[in-house]
PDB file of N, CA and C in Angstrom:
ATOM      1  N   MET A   1      58.090  45.686  10.363  1.00  0.00           N
ATOM      2  CA  MET A   1      58.408  44.938   9.165  1.00  0.00           C
ATOM      3  C   MET A   1      58.475  43.449   9.455  1.00  0.00           C
ATOM      4  N   GLU A   2      58.886  43.079  10.631  1.00  0.00           N
ATOM      5  CA  GLU A   2      58.982  41.665  10.974  1.00  0.00           C
ATOM      6  C   GLU A   2      57.617  41.009  11.025  1.00  0.00           C
ATOM      7  N   SER A   3      56.623  41.727  11.496  1.00  0.00           N
ATOM      8  CA  SER A   3      55.287  41.138  11.582  1.00  0.00           C
ATOM      9  C   SER A   3      54.721  40.892  10.184  1.00  0.00           C
ATOM     10  N   GLY A   4      55.038  41.750   9.219  1.00  0.00           N
ATOM     11  CA  GLY A   4      54.587  41.545   7.839  1.00  0.00           C
ATOM     12  C   GLY A   4      55.197  40.301   7.229  1.00  0.00           C
ATOM     13  N   ALA A   5      56.479  40.079   7.516  1.00  0.00           N
ATOM     14  CA  ALA A   5      57.157  38.891   7.002  1.00  0.00           C
ATOM     15  C   ALA A   5      56.578  37.632   7.631  1.00  0.00           C
ATOM     16  N   LEU A   6      56.268  37.701   8.921  1.00  0.00           N
ATOM     17  CA  LEU A   6      55.667  36.542   9.591  1.00  0.00           C
ATOM     18  C   LEU A   6      54.289  36.228   9.028  1.00  0.00           C
ATOM     19  N   VAL A   7      53.523  37.237   8.697  1.00  0.00           N
ATOM     20  CA  VAL A   7      52.196  37.024   8.109  1.00  0.00           C
ATOM     21  C   VAL A   7      52.326  36.357   6.745  1.00  0.00           C
ATOM     22  N   VAL A   8      53.271  36.802   5.937  1.00  0.00           N
ATOM     23  CA  VAL A   8      53.484  36.210   4.617  1.00  0.00           C
ATOM     24  C   VAL A   8      53.915  34.758   4.749  1.00  0.00           C
ATOM     25  N   ILE A   9      54.806  34.475   5.665  1.00  0.00           N
ATOM     26  CA  ILE A   9      55.268  33.100   5.882  1.00  0.00           C
ATOM     27  C   ILE A   9      54.122  32.233   6.378  1.00  0.00           C
ATOM     28  N   LEU A  10      53.304  32.758   7.282  1.00  0.00           N
ATOM     29  CA  LEU A  10      52.163  32.008   7.805  1.00  0.00           C
ATOM     30  C   LEU A  10      51.153  31.700   6.700  1.00  0.00           C
ATOM     31  N   ILE A  11      50.879  32.684   5.865  1.00  0.00           N
ATOM     32  CA  ILE A  11      49.949  32.458   4.746  1.00  0.00           C
ATOM     33  C   ILE A  11      50.512  31.418   3.798  1.00  0.00           C
ATOM     34  N   LEU A  12      51.794  31.481   3.522  1.00  0.00           N
ATOM     35  CA  LEU A  12      52.431  30.515   2.632  1.00  0.00           C
ATOM     36  C   LEU A  12      52.344  29.105   3.199  1.00  0.00           C
ATOM     37  N   VAL A  13      52.592  28.949   4.478  1.00  0.00           N
ATOM     38  CA  VAL A  13      52.507  27.634   5.128  1.00  0.00           C
ATOM     39  C   VAL A  13      51.077  27.103   5.068  1.00  0.00           C
ATOM     40  N   VAL A  14      50.101  27.973   5.334  1.00  0.00           N
ATOM     41  CA  VAL A  14      48.695  27.551   5.289  1.00  0.00           C
ATOM     42  C   VAL A  14      48.315  27.100   3.881  1.00  0.00           C
ATOM     43  N   VAL A  15      48.760  27.819   2.870  1.00  0.00           N
ATOM     44  CA  VAL A  15      48.444  27.445   1.483  1.00  0.00           C
ATOM     45  C   VAL A  15      49.075  26.102   1.131  1.00  0.00           C
ATOM     46  N   VAL A  16      50.340  25.914   1.469  1.00  0.00           N
ATOM     47  CA  VAL A  16      51.026  24.656   1.145  1.00  0.00           C
ATOM     48  C   VAL A  16      50.367  23.484   1.864  1.00  0.00           C
ATOM     49  N   VAL A  17      50.096  23.650   3.151  1.00  0.00           N
ATOM     50  CA  VAL A  17      49.456  22.571   3.915  1.00  0.00           C
ATOM     51  C   VAL A  17      48.050  22.312   3.383  1.00  0.00           C
ATOM     52  N   GLY A  18      47.333  23.363   3.018  1.00  0.00           N
ATOM     53  CA  GLY A  18      45.983  23.211   2.480  1.00  0.00           C
ATOM     54  C   GLY A  18      45.959  22.454   1.161  1.00  0.00           C
ATOM     55  N   VAL A  19      46.872  22.788   0.267  1.00  0.00           N
ATOM     56  CA  VAL A  19      46.930  22.099  -1.030  1.00  0.00           C
ATOM     57  C   VAL A  19      47.302  20.633  -0.838  1.00  0.00           C
ATOM     58  N   ASN A  20      48.293  20.383   0.011  1.00  0.00           N
ATOM     59  CA  ASN A  20      48.683  18.996   0.260  1.00  0.00           C
ATOM     60  C   ASN A  20      47.563  18.217   0.926  1.00  0.00           C
ATOM     61  N   GLY A  21      46.858  18.836   1.856  1.00  0.00           N
ATOM     62  CA  GLY A  21      45.726  18.173   2.501  1.00  0.00           C
ATOM     63  C   GLY A  21      44.605  17.875   1.515  1.00  0.00           C
ATOM     64  N   ALA A  22      44.325  18.807   0.639  1.00  0.00           N
ATOM     65  CA  ALA A  22      43.284  18.590  -0.362  1.00  0.00           C
ATOM     66  C   ALA A  22      43.660  17.443  -1.293  1.00  0.00           C
ATOM     67  N   LEU A  23      44.925  17.391  -1.707  1.00  0.00           N
ATOM     68  CA  LEU A  23      45.376  16.286  -2.558  1.00  0.00           C
ATOM     69  C   LEU A  23      45.280  14.953  -1.830  1.00  0.00           C
ATOM     70  N   TYR A  24      45.679  14.941  -0.573  1.00  0.00           N
ATOM     71  CA  TYR A  24      45.628  13.710   0.215  1.00  0.00           C
ATOM     72  C   TYR A  24      44.194  13.206   0.349  1.00  0.00           C
ATOM     73  N   PHE A  25      43.274  14.090   0.706  1.00  0.00           N
ATOM     74  CA  PHE A  25      41.891  13.657   0.899  1.00  0.00           C
ATOM     75  C   PHE A  25      41.214  13.288  -0.411  1.00  0.00           C
ATOM     76  N   SER A  26      41.589  13.930  -1.505  1.00  0.00           N
ATOM     77  CA  SER A  26      41.004  13.541  -2.785  1.00  0.00           C
ATOM     78  C   SER A  26      41.496  12.164  -3.208  1.00  0.00           C
ATOM     79  N   LEU A  27      42.745  11.832  -2.875  1.00  0.00           N
ATOM     80  CA  LEU A  27      43.253  10.491  -3.168  1.00  0.00           C
ATOM     81  C   LEU A  27      42.595   9.443  -2.277  1.00  0.00           C
ATOM     82  N   ARG A  28      42.349   9.787  -1.044  1.00  0.00           N
ATOM     83  CA  ARG A  28      41.717   8.851  -0.106  1.00  0.00           C
ATOM     84  C   ARG A  28      40.275   8.544  -0.498  1.00  0.00           C
ATOM     85  N   ARG A  29      39.593   9.508  -1.108  1.00  0.00           N
ATOM     86  CA  ARG A  29      38.213   9.302  -1.537  1.00  0.00           C
ATOM     87  C   ARG A  29      38.124   8.442  -2.791  1.00  0.00           C
ATOM     88  N   GLY A  30      39.206   8.281  -3.498  1.00  0.00           N
ATOM     89  CA  GLY A  30      39.201   7.456  -4.694  1.00  0.00           C
ATOM     90  C   GLY A  30      39.077   8.260  -5.976  1.00  0.00           C
ATOM     91  N   GLY A  31      38.971   9.541  -5.889  1.00  0.00           N
ATOM     92  CA  GLY A  31      38.867  10.372  -7.074  1.00  0.00           C
ATOM     93  C   GLY A  31      40.223  10.817  -7.589  1.00  0.00           C
ATOM     94  N   GLY A  32      41.267  10.199  -7.102  1.00  0.00           N
ATOM     95  CA  GLY A  32      42.616  10.624  -7.444  1.00  0.00           C
ATOM     96  C   GLY A  32      42.993  10.382  -8.888  1.00  0.00           C
ATOM     97  N   THR A  33      42.479   9.314  -9.469  1.00  0.00           N
ATOM     98  CA  THR A  33      42.850   9.030 -10.854  1.00  0.00           C
ATOM     99  C   THR A  33      42.336  10.114 -11.781  1.00  0.00           C
ATOM    100  N   GLN A  34      41.170  10.647 -11.481  1.00  0.00           N
ATOM    101  CA  GLN A  34      40.637  11.729 -12.303  1.00  0.00           C
ATOM    102  C   GLN A  34      41.493  12.981 -12.166  1.00  0.00           C
ATOM    103  N   HIS A  35      41.929  13.264 -10.939  1.00  0.00           N
ATOM    104  CA  HIS A  35      42.757  14.442 -10.712  1.00  0.00           C
ATOM    105  C   HIS A  35      44.117  14.282 -11.378  1.00  0.00           C
ATOM    106  N   PHE A  36      44.687  13.073 -11.302  1.00  0.00           N
ATOM    107  CA  PHE A  36      45.973  12.857 -11.955  1.00  0.00           C
ATOM    108  C   PHE A  36      45.847  12.991 -13.470  1.00  0.00           C
ATOM    109  N   LYS A  37      44.727  12.548 -14.021  1.00  0.00           N
ATOM    110  CA  LYS A  37      44.506  12.676 -15.454  1.00  0.00           C
ATOM    111  C   LYS A  37      44.428  14.156 -15.840  1.00  0.00           C
ATOM    112  N   LEU A  38      43.748  14.954 -15.021  1.00  0.00           N
ATOM    113  CA  LEU A  38      43.673  16.390 -15.285  1.00  0.00           C
ATOM    114  C   LEU A  38      45.053  17.037 -15.222  1.00  0.00           C
ATOM    115  N   TRP A  39      45.855  16.659 -14.209  1.00  0.00           N
ATOM    116  CA  TRP A  39      47.202  17.217 -14.083  1.00  0.00           C
ATOM    117  C   TRP A  39      48.084  16.783 -15.242  1.00  0.00           C
ATOM    118  N   ARG A  40      47.944  15.521 -15.676  1.00  0.00           N
ATOM    119  CA  ARG A  40      48.748  15.021 -16.791  1.00  0.00           C
ATOM    120  C   ARG A  40      48.395  15.778 -18.074  1.00  0.00           C
ATOM    121  N   ASN A  41      47.089  15.999 -18.303  1.00  0.00           N
ATOM    122  CA  ASN A  41      46.671  16.751 -19.480  1.00  0.00           C
ATOM    123  C   ASN A  41      47.166  18.187 -19.421  1.00  0.00           C
ATOM    124  N   ALA A  42      47.106  18.786 -18.238  1.00  0.00           N
ATOM    125  CA  ALA A  42      47.589  20.159 -18.085  1.00  0.00           C
ATOM    126  C   ALA A  42      49.093  20.235 -18.330  1.00  0.00           C
ATOM    127  N   ALA A  43      49.836  19.252 -17.851  1.00  0.00           N
ATOM    128  CA  ALA A  43      51.286  19.247 -18.048  1.00  0.00           C
ATOM    129  C   ALA A  43      51.640  19.067 -19.523  1.00  0.00           C
ATOM    130  N   SER A  44      50.941  18.172 -20.210  1.00  0.00           N
ATOM    131  CA  SER A  44      51.241  17.981 -21.631  1.00  0.00           C
ATOM    132  C   SER A  44      50.852  19.208 -22.435  1.00  0.00           C
ATOM    133  N   ARG A  45      49.766  19.877 -22.039  1.00  0.00           N
ATOM    134  CA  ARG A  45      49.353  21.101 -22.720  1.00  0.00           C
ATOM    135  C   ARG A  45      50.363  22.217 -22.464  1.00  0.00           C
ATOM    136  N   ALA A  46      50.938  22.251 -21.266  1.00  0.00           N
ATOM    137  CA  ALA A  46      51.937  23.275 -20.941  1.00  0.00           C
ATOM    138  C   ALA A  46      53.228  23.047 -21.716  1.00  0.00           C
ATOM    139  N   ARG A  47      53.588  21.770 -21.936  1.00  0.00           N
ATOM    140  CA  ARG A  47      54.800  21.473 -22.688  1.00  0.00           C
ATOM    141  C   ARG A  47      54.665  21.869 -24.153  1.00  0.00           C
ATOM    142  N   ASN A  48      53.488  21.629 -24.743  1.00  0.00           N
ATOM    143  CA  ASN A  48      53.260  21.956 -26.148  1.00  0.00           C
ATOM    144  C   ASN A  48      51.854  22.525 -26.295  1.00  0.00           C
ATOM    145  N   PRO A  49      51.689  23.825 -26.047  1.00  0.00           N
ATOM    146  CA  PRO A  49      50.345  24.400 -26.055  1.00  0.00           C
ATOM    147  C   PRO A  49      49.682  24.419 -27.428  1.00  0.00           C
ATOM    148  N   TRP A  50      50.439  24.280 -28.489  1.00  0.00           N
ATOM    149  CA  TRP A  50      49.872  24.358 -29.840  1.00  0.00           C
ATOM    150  C   TRP A  50      49.768  22.996 -30.508  1.00  0.00           C
ATOM    151  N   GLN A  51      49.794  21.913 -29.738  1.00  0.00           N
ATOM    152  CA  GLN A  51      49.776  20.568 -30.311  1.00  0.00           C
ATOM    153  C   GLN A  51      48.535  20.341 -31.175  1.00  0.00           C
ATOM    154  N   GLN A  52      47.366  20.719 -30.691  1.00  0.00           N
ATOM    155  CA  GLN A  52      46.130  20.500 -31.451  1.00  0.00           C
ATOM    156  C   GLN A  52      46.154  21.283 -32.758  1.00  0.00           C
ATOM    157  N   GLU A  53      46.622  22.520 -32.712  1.00  0.00           N
ATOM    158  CA  GLU A  53      46.701  23.333 -33.917  1.00  0.00           C
ATOM    159  C   GLU A  53      47.726  22.754 -34.892  1.00  0.00           C
ATOM    160  N   ASP A  54      48.860  22.258 -34.363  1.00  0.00           N
ATOM    161  CA  ASP A  54      49.864  21.628 -35.226  1.00  0.00           C
ATOM    162  C   ASP A  54      49.289  20.401 -35.916  1.00  0.00           C
ATOM    163  N   ASP A  55      48.536  19.594 -35.179  1.00  0.00           N
ATOM    164  CA  ASP A  55      47.916  18.407 -35.766  1.00  0.00           C
ATOM    165  C   ASP A  55      46.901  18.796 -36.844  1.00  0.00           C
ATOM    166  N   ASP A  56      46.106  19.830 -36.570  1.00  0.00           N
ATOM    167  CA  ASP A  56      45.116  20.286 -37.546  1.00  0.00           C
ATOM    168  C   ASP A  56      45.791  20.818 -38.806  1.00  0.00           C
ATOM    169  N   LEU A  57      46.887  21.569 -38.637  1.00  0.00           N
ATOM    170  CA  LEU A  57      47.604  22.091 -39.802  1.00  0.00           C
ATOM    171  C   LEU A  57      48.260  20.969 -40.611  1.00  0.00           C
ATOM    172  N   ALA A  58      48.764  19.949 -39.941  1.00  0.00           N
ATOM    173  CA  ALA A  58      49.351  18.811 -40.654  1.00  0.00           C
ATOM    174  C   ALA A  58      48.286  18.080 -41.459  1.00  0.00           C
ATOM    175  N   ALA A  59      47.091  17.919 -40.869  1.00  0.00           N
ATOM    176  CA  ALA A  59      46.000  17.270 -41.598  1.00  0.00           C
ATOM    177  C   ALA A  59      45.574  18.125 -42.789  1.00  0.00           C
ATOM    178  N   LEU A  60      45.499  19.427 -42.605  1.00  0.00           N
ATOM    179  CA  LEU A  60      45.142  20.321 -43.699  1.00  0.00           C
ATOM    180  C   LEU A  60      46.181  20.259 -44.815  1.00  0.00           C
ATOM    181  N   SER A  61      47.445  20.236 -44.450  1.00  0.00           N
ATOM    182  CA  SER A  61      48.514  20.141 -45.444  1.00  0.00           C
ATOM    183  C   SER A  61      48.413  18.841 -46.236  1.00  0.00           C
ATOM    184  N   ARG A  62      48.119  17.747 -45.524  1.00  0.00           N
ATOM    185  CA  ARG A  62      47.977  16.464 -46.205  1.00  0.00           C
ATOM    186  C   ARG A  62      46.789  16.490 -47.170  1.00  0.00           C
ATOM    187  N   LEU A  63      45.675  17.073 -46.753  1.00  0.00           N
ATOM    188  CA  LEU A  63      44.500  17.140 -47.624  1.00  0.00           C
ATOM    189  C   LEU A  63      44.756  18.018 -48.843  1.00  0.00           C
ATOM    190  N   VAL A  64      45.473  19.122 -48.664  1.00  0.00           N
ATOM    191  CA  VAL A  64      45.787  20.001 -49.792  1.00  0.00           C
ATOM    192  C   VAL A  64      46.705  19.283 -50.771  1.00  0.00           C
ATOM    193  N   SER A  65      47.690  18.549 -50.269  1.00  0.00           N
ATOM    194  CA  SER A  65      48.589  17.826 -51.173  1.00  0.00           C
ATOM    195  C   SER A  65      47.840  16.725 -51.914  1.00  0.00           C
ATOM    196  N   GLU A  66      46.836  16.124 -51.271  1.00  0.00           N
ATOM    197  CA  GLU A  66      46.014  15.125 -51.969  1.00  0.00           C
ATOM    198  C   GLU A  66      45.155  15.776 -53.049  1.00  0.00           C
ATOM    199  N   LEU A  67      44.690  17.002 -52.817  1.00  0.00           N
ATOM    200  CA  LEU A  67      43.914  17.704 -53.833  1.00  0.00           C
ATOM    201  C   LEU A  67      44.785  18.102 -55.022  1.00  0.00           C
ATOM    202  N   LYS A  68      46.006  18.529 -54.735  1.00  0.00           N
ATOM    203  CA  LYS A  68      46.911  18.928 -55.806  1.00  0.00           C
ATOM    204  C   LYS A  68      47.366  17.720 -56.609  1.00  0.00           C
ATOM    205  N   ASN A  69      47.631  16.603 -55.941  1.00  0.00           N
ATOM    206  CA  ASN A  69      48.080  15.374 -56.582  1.00  0.00           C
ATOM    207  C   ASN A  69      47.175  14.229 -56.131  1.00  0.00           C
ATOM    208  N   PRO A  70      46.044  14.025 -56.805  1.00  0.00           N
ATOM    209  CA  PRO A  70      45.137  12.953 -56.379  1.00  0.00           C
ATOM    210  C   PRO A  70      45.826  11.594 -56.468  1.00  0.00           C
ATOM    211  N   PRO A  71      45.438  10.649 -55.610  1.00  0.00           N
ATOM    212  CA  PRO A  71      46.020   9.316 -55.660  1.00  0.00           C
ATOM    213  C   PRO A  71      45.794   8.684 -57.046  1.00  0.00           C
ATOM    214  N   GLY A  72      46.807   8.093 -57.587  1.00  0.00           N
ATOM    215  CA  GLY A  72      46.706   7.448 -58.893  1.00  0.00           C
ATOM    216  C   GLY A  72      47.100   8.363 -60.033  1.00  0.00           C
ATOM    217  N   SER A  73      47.303   9.640 -59.765  1.00  0.00           N
ATOM    218  CA  SER A  73      47.710  10.549 -60.840  1.00  0.00           C
ATOM    219  C   SER A  73      49.227  10.610 -60.890  1.00  0.00           C
ATOM    220  N   ASP A  74      49.733  11.123 -61.969  1.00  0.00           N
ATOM    221  CA  ASP A  74      51.176  11.251 -62.148  1.00  0.00           C
ATOM    222  C   ASP A  74      51.662  12.526 -61.476  1.00  0.00           C
ATOM    223  N   PRO A  75      52.470  12.444 -60.418  1.00  0.00           N
ATOM    224  CA  PRO A  75      52.916  13.651 -59.717  1.00  0.00           C
ATOM    225  C   PRO A  75      53.874  14.518 -60.546  1.00  0.00           C
ATOM    226  N   GLU A  76      54.407  13.975 -61.656  1.00  0.00           N
ATOM    227  CA  GLU A  76      55.327  14.727 -62.495  1.00  0.00           C
ATOM    228  C   GLU A  76      54.601  15.784 -63.313  1.00  0.00           C
ATOM    229  N   ASN A  77      53.322  15.603 -63.572  1.00  0.00           N
ATOM    230  CA  ASN A  77      52.575  16.560 -64.419  1.00  0.00           C
ATOM    231  C   ASN A  77      51.938  17.606 -63.609  1.00  0.00           C
TER     232      ASN A  77
END
């Protein structure tokens, strides 16, 4: 059982070091701003995954209210 735990720990260390190394070398090459933009977009999408749909529904609601009450008409009637 100890050898299995050591293998898992070794794999975990290799993955962490590999990801950090990949990030470091991508920043050194100058492509880091693109990667940060991708991460920023992914983070904002994770915080609010339905943002685009919410925006589309708000626009649809506004258009429907304009159809029901055209600009310049009396909203009381």
